[in-house]
Amino acid sequence: MSTDAPVTPADLERFRSYLRLIARQHLPAALKGKVDSSDVVQDTLVKALRHLDQYRGRSEAELAGWLRQTLATTLANAARDWARGKRDAGREVHDSSARLEAVLAADQTSPSLAAARHEDLLRLAAALEALPEAQREAVTLYHLRQVPLDQIAARLDRTPAAVAGLIKRGLKQVRAALAAPNPTGSNSGEPK
């Protein structure tokens, strides 16, 4: 994405896996099974496209932030719509996607490093998206949400040893995906 070129639908589409990962993690538990994270992401991208004239950013980082904010609003609206009359439906939606970004890098000092960081972030989201559902959930709960292993085991209805195996195999696949050459041409390798 060039800082001078207008944002295109293809620019927005690059964030689909990233947004889906965030949506899965922040969809209130009471809505799982009622609202699909893919539908929330689709609604988010449609809203973003519809309101593209309101976007004032110039960098990929600003676009990612704008899309996260749009996603948070969409999730909050979905929770509100399903929660009408039900106080326990989980109205709060927290944007803690900063944990996902923290996996990739710390401080950035230049636009080129920031662009590389965001490219790595998109690749990480795509690698996580490619995992089987149980592995993806175990890895994201353990490493991104910092949920204890025994709680993940209870949530997934598996033993802690089985969950540890899911996490180990999932991380191996993510590392392999990140080590593979980047289709866009840059290969920044595995996150540090």
C-alpha atoms as a PDB file:
ATOM      1  CA  MET A   1       0.000   0.000   0.000  1.00  0.00           C
ATOM      2  CA  SER A   2       1.529   3.284  -1.109  1.00  0.00           C
ATOM      3  CA  THR A   3       1.183   6.275   1.183  1.00  0.00           C
ATOM      4  CA  ASP A   4       0.001   8.393  -1.758  1.00  0.00           C
ATOM      5  CA  ALA A   5      -2.341   5.915  -3.441  1.00  0.00           C
ATOM      6  CA  PRO A   6      -5.952   5.597  -2.323  1.00  0.00           C
ATOM      7  CA  VAL A   7      -6.944   2.477  -0.379  1.00  0.00           C
ATOM      8  CA  THR A   8      -8.480  -0.166  -2.631  1.00  0.00           C
ATOM      9  CA  PRO A   9     -10.755  -3.123  -1.844  1.00  0.00           C
ATOM     10  CA  ALA A  10      -7.711  -5.363  -2.374  1.00  0.00           C
ATOM     11  CA  ASP A  11      -5.872  -3.440   0.358  1.00  0.00           C
ATOM     12  CA  LEU A  12      -8.759  -4.129   2.733  1.00  0.00           C
ATOM     13  CA  GLU A  13      -8.968  -7.788   1.707  1.00  0.00           C
ATOM     14  CA  ARG A  14      -5.370  -8.358   2.825  1.00  0.00           C
ATOM     15  CA  PHE A  15      -6.550  -7.856   6.409  1.00  0.00           C
ATOM     16  CA  ARG A  16      -9.316 -10.512   6.337  1.00  0.00           C
ATOM     17  CA  SER A  17      -7.374 -13.267   8.178  1.00  0.00           C
ATOM     18  CA  TYR A  18      -6.001 -10.767  10.678  1.00  0.00           C
ATOM     19  CA  LEU A  19      -9.481  -9.421  11.444  1.00  0.00           C
ATOM     20  CA  ARG A  20     -10.947 -12.939  11.658  1.00  0.00           C
ATOM     21  CA  LEU A  21      -8.323 -13.889  14.226  1.00  0.00           C
ATOM     22  CA  ILE A  22      -9.169 -10.845  16.333  1.00  0.00           C
ATOM     23  CA  ALA A  23     -12.914 -11.418  15.918  1.00  0.00           C
ATOM     24  CA  ARG A  24     -12.633 -15.028  17.091  1.00  0.00           C
ATOM     25  CA  GLN A  25     -10.805 -13.941  20.208  1.00  0.00           C
ATOM     26  CA  HIS A  26     -13.181 -11.116  21.074  1.00  0.00           C
ATOM     27  CA  LEU A  27     -16.531 -12.580  20.135  1.00  0.00           C
ATOM     28  CA  PRO A  28     -18.340 -12.906  23.469  1.00  0.00           C
ATOM     29  CA  ALA A  29     -18.729 -16.537  24.531  1.00  0.00           C
ATOM     30  CA  ALA A  30     -22.515 -16.151  24.664  1.00  0.00           C
ATOM     31  CA  LEU A  31     -22.521 -15.300  20.950  1.00  0.00           C
ATOM     32  CA  LYS A  32     -20.366 -18.181  19.743  1.00  0.00           C
ATOM     33  CA  GLY A  33     -22.641 -20.470  17.793  1.00  0.00           C
ATOM     34  CA  LYS A  34     -25.035 -17.593  17.101  1.00  0.00           C
ATOM     35  CA  VAL A  35     -22.700 -15.203  15.308  1.00  0.00           C
ATOM     36  CA  ASP A  36     -19.918 -16.388  13.014  1.00  0.00           C
ATOM     37  CA  SER A  37     -16.612 -14.507  13.156  1.00  0.00           C
ATOM     38  CA  SER A  38     -16.362 -14.687   9.350  1.00  0.00           C
ATOM     39  CA  ASP A  39     -19.701 -12.891   9.065  1.00  0.00           C
ATOM     40  CA  VAL A  40     -18.544 -10.203  11.501  1.00  0.00           C
ATOM     41  CA  VAL A  41     -15.371  -9.705   9.463  1.00  0.00           C
ATOM     42  CA  GLN A  42     -17.342  -9.536   6.226  1.00  0.00           C
ATOM     43  CA  ASP A  43     -19.614  -6.892   7.787  1.00  0.00           C
ATOM     44  CA  THR A  44     -16.524  -5.020   8.963  1.00  0.00           C
ATOM     45  CA  LEU A  45     -14.958  -4.995   5.499  1.00  0.00           C
ATOM     46  CA  VAL A  46     -18.244  -3.925   3.891  1.00  0.00           C
ATOM     47  CA  LYS A  47     -18.555  -1.053   6.399  1.00  0.00           C
ATOM     48  CA  ALA A  48     -14.934  -0.074   5.806  1.00  0.00           C
ATOM     49  CA  LEU A  49     -15.459  -0.061   2.054  1.00  0.00           C
ATOM     50  CA  ARG A  50     -18.657   1.934   2.415  1.00  0.00           C
ATOM     51  CA  HIS A  51     -16.912   4.525   4.622  1.00  0.00           C
ATOM     52  CA  LEU A  52     -13.541   4.548   2.879  1.00  0.00           C
ATOM     53  CA  ASP A  53     -13.953   8.262   2.230  1.00  0.00           C
ATOM     54  CA  GLN A  54     -13.694   8.790   6.016  1.00  0.00           C
ATOM     55  CA  TYR A  55     -10.304   7.072   6.274  1.00  0.00           C
ATOM     56  CA  ARG A  56      -7.575   9.667   6.732  1.00  0.00           C
ATOM     57  CA  GLY A  57      -4.544   7.474   7.360  1.00  0.00           C
ATOM     58  CA  ARG A  58      -1.572   7.111   5.096  1.00  0.00           C
ATOM     59  CA  SER A  59       0.199   3.992   6.346  1.00  0.00           C
ATOM     60  CA  GLU A  60      -0.560   0.316   6.634  1.00  0.00           C
ATOM     61  CA  ALA A  61      -0.375   0.635  10.434  1.00  0.00           C
ATOM     62  CA  GLU A  62      -3.040   3.335  10.378  1.00  0.00           C
ATOM     63  CA  LEU A  63      -5.218   1.233   8.075  1.00  0.00           C
ATOM     64  CA  ALA A  64      -4.852  -1.751  10.433  1.00  0.00           C
ATOM     65  CA  GLY A  65      -5.866   0.434  13.374  1.00  0.00           C
ATOM     66  CA  TRP A  66      -8.853   1.858  11.506  1.00  0.00           C
ATOM     67  CA  LEU A  67      -9.992  -1.643  10.563  1.00  0.00           C
ATOM     68  CA  ARG A  68      -9.553  -2.880  14.171  1.00  0.00           C
ATOM     69  CA  GLN A  69     -11.684   0.016  15.365  1.00  0.00           C
ATOM     70  CA  THR A  70     -14.335  -0.789  12.739  1.00  0.00           C
ATOM     71  CA  LEU A  71     -14.222  -4.448  13.824  1.00  0.00           C
ATOM     72  CA  ALA A  72     -14.606  -3.498  17.493  1.00  0.00           C
ATOM     73  CA  THR A  73     -17.681  -1.431  16.624  1.00  0.00           C
ATOM     74  CA  THR A  74     -19.121  -4.272  14.548  1.00  0.00           C
ATOM     75  CA  LEU A  75     -18.534  -6.762  17.386  1.00  0.00           C
ATOM     76  CA  ALA A  76     -20.104  -4.396  19.912  1.00  0.00           C
ATOM     77  CA  ASN A  77     -23.125  -3.953  17.649  1.00  0.00           C
ATOM     78  CA  ALA A  78     -23.477  -7.736  17.238  1.00  0.00           C
ATOM     79  CA  ALA A  79     -23.271  -8.212  21.012  1.00  0.00           C
ATOM     80  CA  ARG A  80     -25.825  -5.443  21.569  1.00  0.00           C
ATOM     81  CA  ASP A  81     -28.191  -6.869  18.968  1.00  0.00           C
ATOM     82  CA  TRP A  82     -28.075 -10.350  20.526  1.00  0.00           C
ATOM     83  CA  ALA A  83     -28.079  -9.032  24.094  1.00  0.00           C
ATOM     84  CA  ARG A  84     -31.324  -7.093  23.945  1.00  0.00           C
ATOM     85  CA  GLY A  85     -33.038  -8.138  27.123  1.00  0.00           C
ATOM     86  CA  LYS A  86     -30.166 -10.398  28.198  1.00  0.00           C
ATOM     87  CA  ARG A  87     -27.682  -8.702  30.514  1.00  0.00           C
ATOM     88  CA  ASP A  88     -25.258 -11.653  30.540  1.00  0.00           C
ATOM     89  CA  ALA A  89     -24.683 -11.823  26.798  1.00  0.00           C
ATOM     90  CA  GLY A  90     -21.270 -10.229  27.000  1.00  0.00           C
ATOM     91  CA  ARG A  91     -21.635  -6.649  25.858  1.00  0.00           C
ATOM     92  CA  GLU A  92     -18.027  -5.707  26.383  1.00  0.00           C
ATOM     93  CA  VAL A  93     -15.682  -6.101  23.476  1.00  0.00           C
ATOM     94  CA  HIS A  94     -12.040  -5.413  24.207  1.00  0.00           C
ATOM     95  CA  ASP A  95      -9.525  -4.609  21.511  1.00  0.00           C
ATOM     96  CA  SER A  96      -6.507  -6.434  22.881  1.00  0.00           C
ATOM     97  CA  SER A  97      -5.088  -7.178  19.470  1.00  0.00           C
ATOM     98  CA  ALA A  98      -1.981  -5.442  20.785  1.00  0.00           C
ATOM     99  CA  ARG A  99      -1.007  -8.862  22.200  1.00  0.00           C
ATOM    100  CA  LEU A 100      -0.980 -10.235  18.683  1.00  0.00           C
ATOM    101  CA  GLU A 101       1.198  -7.359  17.536  1.00  0.00           C
ATOM    102  CA  ALA A 102       3.508  -7.850  20.536  1.00  0.00           C
ATOM    103  CA  VAL A 103       4.225 -11.363  19.305  1.00  0.00           C
ATOM    104  CA  LEU A 104       5.938  -9.893  16.272  1.00  0.00           C
ATOM    105  CA  ALA A 105       7.972  -6.933  17.404  1.00  0.00           C
ATOM    106  CA  ALA A 106       8.695  -4.221  19.894  1.00  0.00           C
ATOM    107  CA  ASP A 107       9.488  -0.614  18.987  1.00  0.00           C
ATOM    108  CA  GLN A 108       9.670   0.431  15.361  1.00  0.00           C
ATOM    109  CA  THR A 109      11.897   3.285  14.358  1.00  0.00           C
ATOM    110  CA  SER A 110      11.264   3.719  10.660  1.00  0.00           C
ATOM    111  CA  PRO A 111       8.400   3.464   8.190  1.00  0.00           C
ATOM    112  CA  SER A 112      10.105   0.566   6.420  1.00  0.00           C
ATOM    113  CA  LEU A 113      10.405  -1.396   9.680  1.00  0.00           C
ATOM    114  CA  ALA A 114       6.771  -0.629  10.504  1.00  0.00           C
ATOM    115  CA  ALA A 115       5.690  -1.851   7.067  1.00  0.00           C
ATOM    116  CA  ALA A 116       7.694  -5.054   7.503  1.00  0.00           C
ATOM    117  CA  ARG A 117       6.158  -5.554  10.946  1.00  0.00           C
ATOM    118  CA  HIS A 118       2.651  -5.226   9.571  1.00  0.00           C
ATOM    119  CA  GLU A 119       3.439  -7.600   6.724  1.00  0.00           C
ATOM    120  CA  ASP A 120       4.665 -10.109   9.324  1.00  0.00           C
ATOM    121  CA  LEU A 121       1.501  -9.546  11.342  1.00  0.00           C
ATOM    122  CA  LEU A 122      -0.653 -10.346   8.320  1.00  0.00           C
ATOM    123  CA  ARG A 123       1.424 -13.455   7.618  1.00  0.00           C
ATOM    124  CA  LEU A 124       1.061 -14.587  11.241  1.00  0.00           C
ATOM    125  CA  ALA A 125      -2.702 -14.138  11.089  1.00  0.00           C
ATOM    126  CA  ALA A 126      -2.850 -16.126   7.838  1.00  0.00           C
ATOM    127  CA  ALA A 127      -0.673 -18.894   9.332  1.00  0.00           C
ATOM    128  CA  LEU A 128      -2.929 -19.125  12.382  1.00  0.00           C
ATOM    129  CA  GLU A 129      -6.003 -19.076  10.149  1.00  0.00           C
ATOM    130  CA  ALA A 130      -4.640 -22.104   8.259  1.00  0.00           C
ATOM    131  CA  LEU A 131      -4.425 -24.251  11.405  1.00  0.00           C
ATOM    132  CA  PRO A 132      -7.143 -26.785  12.193  1.00  0.00           C
ATOM    133  CA  GLU A 133      -9.737 -25.186  14.475  1.00  0.00           C
ATOM    134  CA  ALA A 134      -8.697 -26.936  17.709  1.00  0.00           C
ATOM    135  CA  GLN A 135      -5.007 -26.125  17.173  1.00  0.00           C
ATOM    136  CA  ARG A 136      -5.787 -22.506  16.283  1.00  0.00           C
ATOM    137  CA  GLU A 137      -7.927 -22.069  19.376  1.00  0.00           C
ATOM    138  CA  ALA A 138      -5.355 -23.715  21.662  1.00  0.00           C
ATOM    139  CA  VAL A 139      -2.463 -21.634  20.276  1.00  0.00           C
ATOM    140  CA  THR A 140      -4.331 -18.331  20.357  1.00  0.00           C
ATOM    141  CA  LEU A 141      -5.773 -18.919  23.831  1.00  0.00           C
ATOM    142  CA  TYR A 142      -2.422 -19.941  25.270  1.00  0.00           C
ATOM    143  CA  HIS A 143      -0.057 -17.532  23.540  1.00  0.00           C
ATOM    144  CA  LEU A 144      -2.230 -14.527  22.728  1.00  0.00           C
ATOM    145  CA  ARG A 145      -4.819 -14.537  25.502  1.00  0.00           C
ATOM    146  CA  GLN A 146      -2.495 -16.142  28.085  1.00  0.00           C
ATOM    147  CA  VAL A 147      -5.163 -18.578  29.278  1.00  0.00           C
ATOM    148  CA  PRO A 148      -3.752 -21.323  31.535  1.00  0.00           C
ATOM    149  CA  LEU A 149      -3.412 -24.785  30.008  1.00  0.00           C
ATOM    150  CA  ASP A 150      -5.931 -26.397  32.374  1.00  0.00           C
ATOM    151  CA  GLN A 151      -8.594 -23.816  31.461  1.00  0.00           C
ATOM    152  CA  ILE A 152      -7.984 -24.392  27.743  1.00  0.00           C
ATOM    153  CA  ALA A 153      -8.273 -28.148  28.345  1.00  0.00           C
ATOM    154  CA  ALA A 154     -11.644 -27.649  30.049  1.00  0.00           C
ATOM    155  CA  ARG A 155     -12.844 -25.339  27.290  1.00  0.00           C
ATOM    156  CA  LEU A 156     -11.830 -27.756  24.535  1.00  0.00           C
ATOM    157  CA  ASP A 157     -12.957 -30.813  26.529  1.00  0.00           C
ATOM    158  CA  ARG A 158      -9.498 -32.386  26.288  1.00  0.00           C
ATOM    159  CA  THR A 159      -6.746 -33.324  28.695  1.00  0.00           C
ATOM    160  CA  PRO A 160      -3.990 -30.808  29.446  1.00  0.00           C
ATOM    161  CA  ALA A 161      -1.512 -33.165  27.727  1.00  0.00           C
ATOM    162  CA  ALA A 162      -3.671 -33.241  24.596  1.00  0.00           C
ATOM    163  CA  VAL A 163      -3.885 -29.439  24.591  1.00  0.00           C
ATOM    164  CA  ALA A 164      -0.103 -29.193  25.022  1.00  0.00           C
ATOM    165  CA  GLY A 165       0.234 -31.412  21.939  1.00  0.00           C
ATOM    166  CA  LEU A 166      -2.171 -29.190  19.983  1.00  0.00           C
ATOM    167  CA  ILE A 167      -0.143 -26.130  20.923  1.00  0.00           C
ATOM    168  CA  LYS A 168       3.166 -27.789  20.039  1.00  0.00           C
ATOM    169  CA  ARG A 169       1.934 -29.007  16.637  1.00  0.00           C
ATOM    170  CA  GLY A 170       0.218 -25.686  15.937  1.00  0.00           C
ATOM    171  CA  LEU A 171       3.341 -23.673  16.685  1.00  0.00           C
ATOM    172  CA  LYS A 172       5.401 -25.984  14.490  1.00  0.00           C
ATOM    173  CA  GLN A 173       3.018 -25.337  11.572  1.00  0.00           C
ATOM    174  CA  VAL A 174       2.970 -21.576  12.209  1.00  0.00           C
ATOM    175  CA  ARG A 175       6.773 -21.445  12.337  1.00  0.00           C
ATOM    176  CA  ALA A 176       6.992 -23.407   9.085  1.00  0.00           C
ATOM    177  CA  ALA A 177       4.511 -21.068   7.398  1.00  0.00           C
ATOM    178  CA  LEU A 178       6.414 -18.001   8.568  1.00  0.00           C
ATOM    179  CA  ALA A 179       9.741 -19.446   7.476  1.00  0.00           C
ATOM    180  CA  ALA A 180       8.410 -20.077   3.958  1.00  0.00           C
ATOM    181  CA  PRO A 181       9.145 -17.434   1.331  1.00  0.00           C
ATOM    182  CA  ASN A 182       6.646 -14.591   1.417  1.00  0.00           C
ATOM    183  CA  PRO A 183       4.489 -14.491  -1.728  1.00  0.00           C
ATOM    184  CA  THR A 184       4.796 -10.695  -1.754  1.00  0.00           C
ATOM    185  CA  GLY A 185       8.529 -10.964  -2.163  1.00  0.00           C
ATOM    186  CA  SER A 186       9.889 -10.100   1.271  1.00  0.00           C
ATOM    187  CA  ASN A 187      10.796 -12.838   3.701  1.00  0.00           C
ATOM    188  CA  SER A 188      11.332 -11.443   7.127  1.00  0.00           C
ATOM    189  CA  GLY A 189      11.313 -14.929   8.598  1.00  0.00           C
ATOM    190  CA  GLU A 190      10.024 -15.920  11.962  1.00  0.00           C
ATOM    191  CA  PRO A 191       8.920 -13.313  14.483  1.00  0.00           C
ATOM    192  CA  LYS A 192      11.441 -12.612  17.207  1.00  0.00           C
END
